[in-house]
C-alpha atoms as a PDB file:
ATOM      1  CA  VAL A   1     298.651  91.466  -5.829  1.00  0.00           C
ATOM      2  CA  LEU A   2     295.209  91.940  -6.610  1.00  0.00           C
ATOM      3  CA  GLU A   3     294.514  95.566  -6.971  1.00  0.00           C
ATOM      4  CA  GLU A   4     297.131  94.833  -9.496  1.00  0.00           C
ATOM      5  CA  ILE A   5     295.387  92.501 -11.237  1.00  0.00           C
ATOM      6  CA  ALA A   6     291.927  94.480 -11.287  1.00  0.00           C
ATOM      7  CA  LYS A   7     293.871  97.160 -12.464  1.00  0.00           C
ATOM      8  CA  LEU A   8     294.497  95.146 -15.560  1.00  0.00           C
ATOM      9  CA  LEU A   9     291.629  93.622 -16.617  1.00  0.00           C
ATOM     10  CA  ASN A  10     289.845  96.810 -16.133  1.00  0.00           C
ATOM     11  CA  GLN A  11     292.554  98.571 -18.658  1.00  0.00           C
ATOM     12  CA  ARG A  12     292.020  95.262 -20.858  1.00  0.00           C
ATOM     13  CA  THR A  13     289.144  94.497 -21.566  1.00  0.00           C
ATOM     14  CA  ASP A  14     289.028  91.365 -23.345  1.00  0.00           C
ATOM     15  CA  LEU A  15     291.409  90.101 -20.703  1.00  0.00           C
ATOM     16  CA  LYS A  16     289.603  86.361 -19.525  1.00  0.00           C
ATOM     17  CA  LEU A  17     291.408  84.952 -16.897  1.00  0.00           C
ATOM     18  CA  LEU A  18     290.917  81.018 -15.899  1.00  0.00           C
ATOM     19  CA  VAL A  19     291.786  81.784 -11.748  1.00  0.00           C
ATOM     20  CA  VAL A  20     292.913  78.508 -10.438  1.00  0.00           C
ATOM     21  CA  GLY A  21     293.092  77.205  -6.495  1.00  0.00           C
ATOM     22  CA  HIS A  22     296.195  75.163  -4.927  1.00  0.00           C
ATOM     23  CA  THR A  23     297.020  73.147  -1.758  1.00  0.00           C
ATOM     24  CA  ASP A  24     299.704  71.193  -0.006  1.00  0.00           C
ATOM     25  CA  ASN A  25     299.164  67.543   0.587  1.00  0.00           C
ATOM     26  CA  GLN A  26     298.049  68.230   4.180  1.00  0.00           C
ATOM     27  CA  GLY A  27     294.437  65.738   4.009  1.00  0.00           C
ATOM     28  CA  ALA A  28     291.735  64.431   2.210  1.00  0.00           C
ATOM     29  CA  PHE A  29     292.055  64.093  -1.417  1.00  0.00           C
ATOM     30  CA  GLU A  30     288.243  65.669  -1.576  1.00  0.00           C
ATOM     31  CA  MET A  31     289.095  68.389   1.069  1.00  0.00           C
ATOM     32  CA  ASN A  32     291.721  69.815  -0.893  1.00  0.00           C
ATOM     33  CA  MET A  33     289.396  69.500  -4.122  1.00  0.00           C
ATOM     34  CA  ASN A  34     287.066  71.416  -2.162  1.00  0.00           C
ATOM     35  CA  LEU A  35     289.558  73.723  -0.916  1.00  0.00           C
ATOM     36  CA  SER A  36     291.143  74.937  -4.242  1.00  0.00           C
ATOM     37  CA  SER A  37     288.035  75.349  -5.629  1.00  0.00           C
ATOM     38  CA  GLN A  38     286.891  78.226  -2.205  1.00  0.00           C
ATOM     39  CA  ARG A  39     290.580  79.325  -2.923  1.00  0.00           C
ATOM     40  CA  ALA A  40     289.777  80.677  -6.617  1.00  0.00           C
ATOM     41  CA  LYS A  41     286.140  80.957  -5.914  1.00  0.00           C
ATOM     42  CA  SER A  42     287.568  83.733  -2.823  1.00  0.00           C
ATOM     43  CA  VAL A  43     289.481  86.239  -5.424  1.00  0.00           C
ATOM     44  CA  VAL A  44     286.807  85.355  -8.055  1.00  0.00           C
ATOM     45  CA  ARG A  45     284.518  86.746  -5.813  1.00  0.00           C
ATOM     46  CA  TYR A  46     286.356  89.822  -4.612  1.00  0.00           C
ATOM     47  CA  LEU A  47     287.701  90.576  -8.358  1.00  0.00           C
ATOM     48  CA  VAL A  48     283.214  90.949  -9.333  1.00  0.00           C
ATOM     49  CA  GLU A  49     282.439  92.743  -6.016  1.00  0.00           C
ATOM     50  CA  THR A  50     285.181  94.741  -5.554  1.00  0.00           C
ATOM     51  CA  HIS A  51     286.329  95.980  -8.335  1.00  0.00           C
ATOM     52  CA  ALA A  52     283.355  95.081 -10.536  1.00  0.00           C
ATOM     53  CA  ILE A  53     285.249  92.864 -12.894  1.00  0.00           C
ATOM     54  CA  ASP A  54     282.115  91.088 -14.562  1.00  0.00           C
ATOM     55  CA  SER A  55     281.857  87.942 -13.457  1.00  0.00           C
ATOM     56  CA  GLY A  56     281.867  86.178 -17.756  1.00  0.00           C
ATOM     57  CA  ARG A  57     285.724  86.498 -17.936  1.00  0.00           C
ATOM     58  CA  LEU A  58     286.438  84.711 -15.065  1.00  0.00           C
ATOM     59  CA  GLN A  59     286.733  81.404 -14.448  1.00  0.00           C
ATOM     60  CA  SER A  60     286.955  79.054 -11.003  1.00  0.00           C
ATOM     61  CA  ALA A  61     288.938  75.374 -10.982  1.00  0.00           C
ATOM     62  CA  GLY A  62     290.501  73.754  -8.353  1.00  0.00           C
ATOM     63  CA  VAL A  63     293.306  71.155  -8.259  1.00  0.00           C
ATOM     64  CA  GLY A  64     293.691  70.477  -4.999  1.00  0.00           C
ATOM     65  CA  TYR A  65     297.899  69.341  -4.818  1.00  0.00           C
ATOM     66  CA  LEU A  66     298.049  67.971  -8.234  1.00  0.00           C
ATOM     67  CA  ALA A  67     300.228  70.660  -9.460  1.00  0.00           C
ATOM     68  CA  PRO A  68     302.709  71.632  -6.701  1.00  0.00           C
ATOM     69  CA  VAL A  69     305.725  73.963  -8.003  1.00  0.00           C
ATOM     70  CA  ALA A  70     308.085  72.398  -4.328  1.00  0.00           C
ATOM     71  CA  SER A  71     308.191  69.623  -2.313  1.00  0.00           C
ATOM     72  CA  ASN A  72     305.208  69.507   0.183  1.00  0.00           C
ATOM     73  CA  ASP A  73     307.981  67.254   2.447  1.00  0.00           C
ATOM     74  CA  SER A  74     308.526  70.653   4.325  1.00  0.00           C
ATOM     75  CA  PRO A  75     306.972  73.374   5.763  1.00  0.00           C
ATOM     76  CA  GLU A  76     308.046  75.590   3.110  1.00  0.00           C
ATOM     77  CA  GLY A  77     307.163  73.547   0.358  1.00  0.00           C
ATOM     78  CA  ARG A  78     303.408  73.345   1.145  1.00  0.00           C
ATOM     79  CA  ALA A  79     303.513  77.175   1.821  1.00  0.00           C
ATOM     80  CA  LYS A  80     304.576  77.769  -1.045  1.00  0.00           C
ATOM     81  CA  ASN A  81     301.903  74.992  -2.607  1.00  0.00           C
ATOM     82  CA  ARG A  82     299.051  76.786  -1.054  1.00  0.00           C
ATOM     83  CA  ARG A  83     298.715  79.328  -3.750  1.00  0.00           C
ATOM     84  CA  VAL A  84     296.469  80.926  -6.419  1.00  0.00           C
ATOM     85  CA  GLU A  85     297.775  81.195 -10.609  1.00  0.00           C
ATOM     86  CA  LEU A  86     295.509  82.904 -13.142  1.00  0.00           C
ATOM     87  CA  VAL A  87     295.763  81.701 -16.819  1.00  0.00           C
ATOM     88  CA  LYS A  88     294.888  83.325 -19.415  1.00  0.00           C
ATOM     89  CA  GLY A  89     291.761  82.383 -21.019  1.00  0.00           C
ATOM     90  CA  LYS A  90     290.237  82.325 -23.729  1.00  0.00           C
END
């Protein structure tokens, strides 16, 4: 997926992205906020270092478990909540 994102960013040099990290609800709030932030930063670092994407086009943020896409009551739901999403920036 990251290879396709890099390809898109190289084709659309005007495109800016907000890279948002998410977690499940296991563990302390602050730990999850840090983990989600690190998750997003890892994606940005990969795109910049591996594909030479201008870092000014990417902004990272972590939201912990504040925006789940599935229930955190099952292992399957928690797995879906551990993710990174890309949002078109300005």
